[in-house]
N, C-alpha and C. Protein backbone atom coordinates (compact mmCIF):
# COMPACT_ATOMS: atom_id res chain seq x y z
N MET A 1 43.38 -60.51 -7.95
CA MET A 1 44.72 -59.92 -8.02
C MET A 1 44.99 -59.31 -9.39
N GLN A 2 44.52 -60.00 -10.45
CA GLN A 2 44.80 -59.53 -11.80
C GLN A 2 44.16 -58.17 -12.07
N ARG A 3 42.98 -57.91 -11.51
CA ARG A 3 42.33 -56.63 -11.75
C ARG A 3 43.12 -55.48 -11.12
N TYR A 4 43.80 -55.75 -10.03
CA TYR A 4 44.62 -54.70 -9.41
C TYR A 4 45.94 -54.52 -10.15
N LEU A 5 46.43 -55.58 -10.76
CA LEU A 5 47.67 -55.44 -11.55
C LEU A 5 47.44 -54.59 -12.79
N THR A 6 46.27 -54.72 -13.40
CA THR A 6 45.99 -53.87 -14.57
C THR A 6 45.86 -52.40 -14.14
N ALA A 7 45.30 -52.16 -12.97
CA ALA A 7 45.24 -50.78 -12.46
C ALA A 7 46.65 -50.26 -12.18
N LEU A 8 47.50 -51.10 -11.62
CA LEU A 8 48.88 -50.71 -11.37
C LEU A 8 49.61 -50.42 -12.68
N ALA A 9 49.38 -51.22 -13.69
CA ALA A 9 50.00 -50.98 -15.00
C ALA A 9 49.55 -49.64 -15.56
N ARG A 10 48.27 -49.34 -15.44
CA ARG A 10 47.74 -48.06 -15.92
C ARG A 10 48.41 -46.89 -15.19
N ILE A 11 48.55 -47.01 -13.90
CA ILE A 11 49.15 -45.94 -13.10
C ILE A 11 50.64 -45.79 -13.42
N LEU A 12 51.33 -46.89 -13.61
CA LEU A 12 52.76 -46.82 -13.95
C LEU A 12 52.99 -46.20 -15.32
N LEU A 13 52.09 -46.50 -16.26
CA LEU A 13 52.21 -45.85 -17.57
C LEU A 13 51.92 -44.35 -17.47
N ALA A 14 50.98 -43.99 -16.64
CA ALA A 14 50.65 -42.57 -16.46
C ALA A 14 51.82 -41.82 -15.84
N GLN A 15 52.51 -42.46 -14.92
CA GLN A 15 53.60 -41.76 -14.23
C GLN A 15 54.74 -41.38 -15.17
N VAL A 16 54.90 -42.08 -16.28
CA VAL A 16 55.93 -41.70 -17.25
C VAL A 16 55.70 -40.27 -17.72
N PHE A 17 54.46 -39.96 -18.05
CA PHE A 17 54.14 -38.63 -18.56
C PHE A 17 54.05 -37.60 -17.43
N LEU A 18 53.49 -37.99 -16.31
CA LEU A 18 53.34 -37.06 -15.19
C LEU A 18 54.69 -36.67 -14.59
N LEU A 19 55.61 -37.61 -14.52
CA LEU A 19 56.94 -37.28 -14.01
C LEU A 19 57.70 -36.35 -14.96
N GLN A 20 57.49 -36.53 -16.24
CA GLN A 20 58.14 -35.63 -17.20
C GLN A 20 57.63 -34.21 -17.02
N VAL A 21 56.33 -34.05 -16.84
CA VAL A 21 55.76 -32.73 -16.62
C VAL A 21 56.27 -32.15 -15.30
N THR A 22 56.32 -32.98 -14.27
CA THR A 22 56.80 -32.52 -12.97
C THR A 22 58.24 -32.05 -13.07
N MET A 23 59.08 -32.79 -13.74
CA MET A 23 60.48 -32.41 -13.89
C MET A 23 60.62 -31.11 -14.69
N LEU A 24 59.80 -30.95 -15.72
CA LEU A 24 59.82 -29.69 -16.48
C LEU A 24 59.42 -28.52 -15.59
N MET A 25 58.36 -28.69 -14.81
CA MET A 25 57.89 -27.61 -13.94
C MET A 25 58.93 -27.25 -12.88
N VAL A 26 59.57 -28.24 -12.31
CA VAL A 26 60.63 -27.99 -11.33
C VAL A 26 61.76 -27.20 -11.99
N GLY A 27 62.11 -27.58 -13.20
CA GLY A 27 63.15 -26.86 -13.93
C GLY A 27 62.74 -25.43 -14.25
N PHE A 28 61.47 -25.23 -14.58
CA PHE A 28 61.00 -23.89 -14.89
C PHE A 28 61.03 -22.99 -13.66
N PHE A 29 60.62 -23.52 -12.53
CA PHE A 29 60.53 -22.70 -11.32
C PHE A 29 61.89 -22.53 -10.63
N SER A 30 62.82 -23.43 -10.87
CA SER A 30 64.14 -23.30 -10.24
C SER A 30 65.08 -22.41 -11.05
N ASN A 31 64.75 -22.19 -12.30
CA ASN A 31 65.58 -21.37 -13.17
C ASN A 31 64.68 -20.33 -13.83
N PRO A 32 64.96 -19.04 -13.64
CA PRO A 32 64.10 -18.00 -14.22
C PRO A 32 63.98 -18.08 -15.74
N ASP A 33 65.01 -18.57 -16.39
CA ASP A 33 64.98 -18.69 -17.85
C ASP A 33 64.67 -20.12 -18.30
N GLY A 34 64.15 -20.96 -17.41
CA GLY A 34 63.93 -22.37 -17.72
C GLY A 34 63.00 -22.60 -18.89
N TYR A 35 61.87 -21.87 -18.91
CA TYR A 35 60.90 -22.06 -19.99
C TYR A 35 61.48 -21.59 -21.32
N ALA A 36 62.16 -20.46 -21.30
CA ALA A 36 62.78 -19.94 -22.53
C ALA A 36 63.85 -20.91 -23.04
N GLN A 37 64.60 -21.50 -22.13
CA GLN A 37 65.61 -22.49 -22.53
C GLN A 37 64.94 -23.73 -23.11
N TYR A 38 63.82 -24.13 -22.53
CA TYR A 38 63.07 -25.29 -23.05
C TYR A 38 62.59 -25.01 -24.46
N GLN A 39 62.03 -23.81 -24.69
CA GLN A 39 61.58 -23.44 -26.02
C GLN A 39 62.76 -23.38 -27.00
N ALA A 40 63.88 -22.85 -26.54
CA ALA A 40 65.07 -22.78 -27.40
C ALA A 40 65.57 -24.18 -27.74
N GLY A 41 65.51 -25.08 -26.77
CA GLY A 41 65.93 -26.46 -27.03
C GLY A 41 65.05 -27.13 -28.07
N LEU A 42 63.75 -26.89 -27.97
CA LEU A 42 62.84 -27.42 -29.00
C LEU A 42 63.11 -26.76 -30.35
N GLY A 43 63.42 -25.46 -30.32
CA GLY A 43 63.73 -24.75 -31.56
C GLY A 43 64.98 -25.29 -32.23
N SER A 44 65.95 -25.71 -31.42
CA SER A 44 67.18 -26.28 -32.00
C SER A 44 66.91 -27.61 -32.70
N LEU A 45 65.78 -28.24 -32.35
CA LEU A 45 65.38 -29.49 -33.02
C LEU A 45 64.46 -29.22 -34.21
N GLY A 46 64.23 -27.93 -34.50
CA GLY A 46 63.41 -27.57 -35.64
C GLY A 46 61.93 -27.44 -35.32
N LEU A 47 61.57 -27.41 -34.03
CA LEU A 47 60.16 -27.29 -33.65
C LEU A 47 59.86 -25.85 -33.26
N PRO A 48 58.73 -25.31 -33.71
CA PRO A 48 58.38 -23.95 -33.31
C PRO A 48 58.06 -23.86 -31.83
N GLY A 49 58.09 -22.66 -31.29
CA GLY A 49 57.88 -22.43 -29.87
C GLY A 49 56.52 -22.87 -29.35
N ILE A 50 55.52 -22.97 -30.23
CA ILE A 50 54.18 -23.39 -29.81
C ILE A 50 54.18 -24.83 -29.30
N PHE A 51 55.19 -25.61 -29.67
CA PHE A 51 55.25 -26.99 -29.22
C PHE A 51 55.52 -27.11 -27.73
N ALA A 52 56.16 -26.12 -27.13
CA ALA A 52 56.48 -26.20 -25.70
C ALA A 52 55.22 -26.31 -24.84
N PRO A 53 54.25 -25.39 -24.96
CA PRO A 53 53.05 -25.56 -24.13
C PRO A 53 52.20 -26.74 -24.56
N LEU A 54 52.22 -27.09 -25.85
CA LEU A 54 51.44 -28.24 -26.32
C LEU A 54 51.96 -29.55 -25.71
N ILE A 55 53.27 -29.70 -25.68
CA ILE A 55 53.86 -30.91 -25.10
C ILE A 55 53.50 -31.01 -23.63
N ILE A 56 53.60 -29.91 -22.91
CA ILE A 56 53.27 -29.91 -21.48
C ILE A 56 51.80 -30.23 -21.28
N LEU A 57 50.93 -29.61 -22.06
CA LEU A 57 49.49 -29.84 -21.93
C LEU A 57 49.10 -31.28 -22.24
N ILE A 58 49.63 -31.82 -23.32
CA ILE A 58 49.31 -33.20 -23.71
C ILE A 58 49.78 -34.17 -22.64
N GLN A 59 51.00 -33.99 -22.15
CA GLN A 59 51.50 -34.91 -21.13
C GLN A 59 50.72 -34.79 -19.83
N LEU A 60 50.34 -33.58 -19.46
CA LEU A 60 49.60 -33.38 -18.22
C LEU A 60 48.19 -33.96 -18.31
N VAL A 61 47.47 -33.60 -19.35
CA VAL A 61 46.09 -34.08 -19.50
C VAL A 61 46.06 -35.59 -19.75
N GLY A 62 46.90 -36.06 -20.65
CA GLY A 62 46.94 -37.50 -20.93
C GLY A 62 47.39 -38.31 -19.74
N GLY A 63 48.40 -37.82 -19.03
CA GLY A 63 48.89 -38.52 -17.85
C GLY A 63 47.85 -38.59 -16.74
N LEU A 64 47.17 -37.47 -16.50
CA LEU A 64 46.12 -37.46 -15.48
C LEU A 64 44.94 -38.34 -15.86
N ALA A 65 44.56 -38.31 -17.13
CA ALA A 65 43.45 -39.15 -17.59
C ALA A 65 43.80 -40.63 -17.41
N LEU A 66 45.02 -41.01 -17.73
CA LEU A 66 45.43 -42.40 -17.53
C LEU A 66 45.51 -42.74 -16.05
N PHE A 67 46.03 -41.82 -15.26
CA PHE A 67 46.18 -42.06 -13.83
C PHE A 67 44.82 -42.32 -13.17
N PHE A 68 43.85 -41.51 -13.52
CA PHE A 68 42.52 -41.67 -12.92
C PHE A 68 41.64 -42.66 -13.68
N GLY A 69 42.09 -43.11 -14.84
CA GLY A 69 41.31 -44.07 -15.61
C GLY A 69 40.09 -43.44 -16.25
N TYR A 70 40.23 -42.23 -16.73
CA TYR A 70 39.14 -41.51 -17.38
C TYR A 70 39.29 -41.63 -18.89
N LYS A 71 38.26 -42.16 -19.56
CA LYS A 71 38.30 -42.38 -21.01
C LYS A 71 39.61 -43.06 -21.39
N THR A 72 39.87 -44.14 -20.71
CA THR A 72 41.16 -44.83 -20.83
C THR A 72 41.44 -45.30 -22.24
N LYS A 73 40.43 -45.83 -22.91
CA LYS A 73 40.65 -46.36 -24.25
C LYS A 73 41.14 -45.26 -25.20
N PHE A 74 40.48 -44.12 -25.17
CA PHE A 74 40.88 -43.01 -26.04
C PHE A 74 42.28 -42.50 -25.69
N PHE A 75 42.50 -42.23 -24.40
CA PHE A 75 43.78 -41.64 -24.00
C PHE A 75 44.94 -42.63 -24.15
N ALA A 76 44.69 -43.92 -23.99
CA ALA A 76 45.76 -44.90 -24.19
C ALA A 76 46.22 -44.89 -25.65
N LEU A 77 45.27 -44.87 -26.58
CA LEU A 77 45.63 -44.84 -27.99
C LEU A 77 46.29 -43.50 -28.35
N PHE A 78 45.72 -42.42 -27.86
CA PHE A 78 46.26 -41.08 -28.13
C PHE A 78 47.69 -40.95 -27.62
N MET A 79 47.93 -41.40 -26.39
CA MET A 79 49.26 -41.28 -25.80
C MET A 79 50.25 -42.24 -26.45
N ALA A 80 49.78 -43.37 -26.95
CA ALA A 80 50.67 -44.29 -27.68
C ALA A 80 51.18 -43.63 -28.96
N ILE A 81 50.26 -43.00 -29.68
CA ILE A 81 50.65 -42.29 -30.90
C ILE A 81 51.57 -41.13 -30.56
N TYR A 82 51.22 -40.40 -29.51
CA TYR A 82 52.03 -39.26 -29.06
C TYR A 82 53.45 -39.72 -28.69
N ALA A 83 53.56 -40.84 -27.98
CA ALA A 83 54.87 -41.32 -27.53
C ALA A 83 55.78 -41.62 -28.72
N VAL A 84 55.22 -42.23 -29.75
CA VAL A 84 56.04 -42.55 -30.93
C VAL A 84 56.44 -41.28 -31.67
N ILE A 85 55.49 -40.37 -31.86
CA ILE A 85 55.78 -39.14 -32.58
C ILE A 85 56.80 -38.29 -31.83
N ILE A 86 56.61 -38.14 -30.53
CA ILE A 86 57.50 -37.27 -29.75
C ILE A 86 58.91 -37.85 -29.67
N SER A 87 59.02 -39.17 -29.65
CA SER A 87 60.35 -39.76 -29.60
C SER A 87 61.13 -39.49 -30.89
N VAL A 88 60.42 -39.48 -32.01
CA VAL A 88 61.07 -39.20 -33.28
C VAL A 88 61.41 -37.71 -33.39
N LEU A 89 60.46 -36.84 -33.02
CA LEU A 89 60.68 -35.39 -33.14
C LEU A 89 61.77 -34.88 -32.21
N LEU A 90 61.83 -35.43 -30.99
CA LEU A 90 62.80 -34.94 -30.01
C LEU A 90 64.05 -35.79 -29.93
N HIS A 91 64.18 -36.74 -30.83
CA HIS A 91 65.35 -37.62 -30.88
C HIS A 91 65.57 -38.33 -29.53
N LEU A 92 64.48 -38.84 -28.96
CA LEU A 92 64.53 -39.59 -27.71
C LEU A 92 64.77 -41.06 -28.04
N PRO A 93 65.10 -41.87 -27.04
CA PRO A 93 65.32 -43.31 -27.30
C PRO A 93 64.07 -43.97 -27.88
N VAL A 94 64.09 -44.25 -29.16
CA VAL A 94 62.91 -44.75 -29.87
C VAL A 94 62.44 -46.08 -29.30
N LEU A 95 63.35 -46.99 -29.01
CA LEU A 95 62.93 -48.30 -28.50
C LEU A 95 62.24 -48.19 -27.15
N GLN A 96 62.70 -47.28 -26.32
CA GLN A 96 62.06 -47.07 -25.02
C GLN A 96 60.63 -46.57 -25.20
N TYR A 97 60.45 -45.62 -26.10
CA TYR A 97 59.12 -45.07 -26.32
C TYR A 97 58.23 -46.04 -27.09
N LEU A 98 58.81 -46.89 -27.90
CA LEU A 98 58.02 -47.95 -28.53
C LEU A 98 57.51 -48.93 -27.48
N ALA A 99 58.32 -49.21 -26.47
CA ALA A 99 57.89 -50.08 -25.38
C ALA A 99 56.75 -49.44 -24.59
N ILE A 100 56.86 -48.14 -24.34
CA ILE A 100 55.78 -47.42 -23.65
C ILE A 100 54.52 -47.46 -24.51
N ALA A 101 54.67 -47.23 -25.81
CA ALA A 101 53.52 -47.29 -26.71
C ALA A 101 52.90 -48.68 -26.72
N GLY A 102 53.72 -49.71 -26.64
CA GLY A 102 53.20 -51.07 -26.57
C GLY A 102 52.36 -51.30 -25.32
N GLY A 103 52.83 -50.80 -24.20
CA GLY A 103 52.06 -50.91 -22.97
C GLY A 103 50.75 -50.14 -23.06
N LEU A 104 50.80 -48.98 -23.69
CA LEU A 104 49.58 -48.18 -23.86
C LEU A 104 48.60 -48.87 -24.80
N LEU A 105 49.11 -49.55 -25.81
CA LEU A 105 48.22 -50.29 -26.71
C LEU A 105 47.57 -51.47 -25.99
N MET A 106 48.29 -52.10 -25.09
CA MET A 106 47.68 -53.17 -24.27
C MET A 106 46.58 -52.58 -23.39
N LEU A 107 46.81 -51.40 -22.87
CA LEU A 107 45.79 -50.73 -22.07
C LEU A 107 44.60 -50.34 -22.94
N TYR A 108 44.85 -49.99 -24.18
CA TYR A 108 43.78 -49.69 -25.12
C TYR A 108 42.88 -50.90 -25.32
N LEU A 109 43.49 -52.09 -25.37
CA LEU A 109 42.71 -53.32 -25.56
C LEU A 109 41.96 -53.74 -24.30
N ASN A 110 42.44 -53.31 -23.13
CA ASN A 110 41.80 -53.64 -21.86
C ASN A 110 41.61 -52.35 -21.05
N PRO A 111 40.68 -51.48 -21.48
CA PRO A 111 40.60 -50.15 -20.89
C PRO A 111 39.94 -50.07 -19.52
N VAL A 112 39.07 -50.99 -19.20
CA VAL A 112 38.35 -50.90 -17.93
C VAL A 112 39.15 -51.64 -16.86
N THR A 113 39.78 -50.89 -15.98
CA THR A 113 40.56 -51.46 -14.90
C THR A 113 39.94 -51.05 -13.58
N SER A 114 40.32 -51.75 -12.53
CA SER A 114 39.78 -51.40 -11.21
C SER A 114 40.34 -50.05 -10.78
N CYS A 115 39.70 -49.44 -9.82
CA CYS A 115 40.13 -48.16 -9.26
C CYS A 115 40.23 -47.08 -10.32
N SER A 116 39.25 -47.02 -11.21
CA SER A 116 39.27 -46.02 -12.28
C SER A 116 37.89 -45.38 -12.43
N VAL A 117 37.88 -44.23 -13.04
CA VAL A 117 36.61 -43.55 -13.32
C VAL A 117 35.79 -44.38 -14.29
N ASP A 118 36.44 -45.00 -15.26
CA ASP A 118 35.74 -45.84 -16.23
C ASP A 118 35.02 -47.00 -15.57
N SER A 119 35.63 -47.59 -14.55
CA SER A 119 35.00 -48.74 -13.89
C SER A 119 33.79 -48.32 -13.04
N LEU A 120 33.74 -47.06 -12.65
CA LEU A 120 32.58 -46.56 -11.90
C LEU A 120 31.35 -46.44 -12.80
N LYS A 121 31.56 -46.21 -14.08
CA LYS A 121 30.47 -46.05 -15.03
C LYS A 121 29.79 -47.38 -15.34
N LYS A 122 30.48 -48.48 -15.22
CA LYS A 122 29.95 -49.79 -15.59
C LYS A 122 29.11 -50.38 -14.48
């Protein structure tokens, strides 16, 4: 049972990032100016426009890698660092993102979970 709970934890952590990307994409496609508004919103926080595609790319690639359990140790640490940095840059709830980072660090310590690409290699 415990091996499946760690896989569930990995998938639930991945969904945080994947749902954010999904919500951004829905907003972009439902509003013709959605992407420009997203870039302007980041600009109002002092971030250049290049951050818009970078944020989307990092969340998509990192979320998918965690979801499928591919190079879990690397992506768990990378996404933990990303979560803390992005919460500070975008003025998001820091404690919430610290909790997400904590879960990702636990995944970093236990990277091989069931139902993952990493577990197929072993």
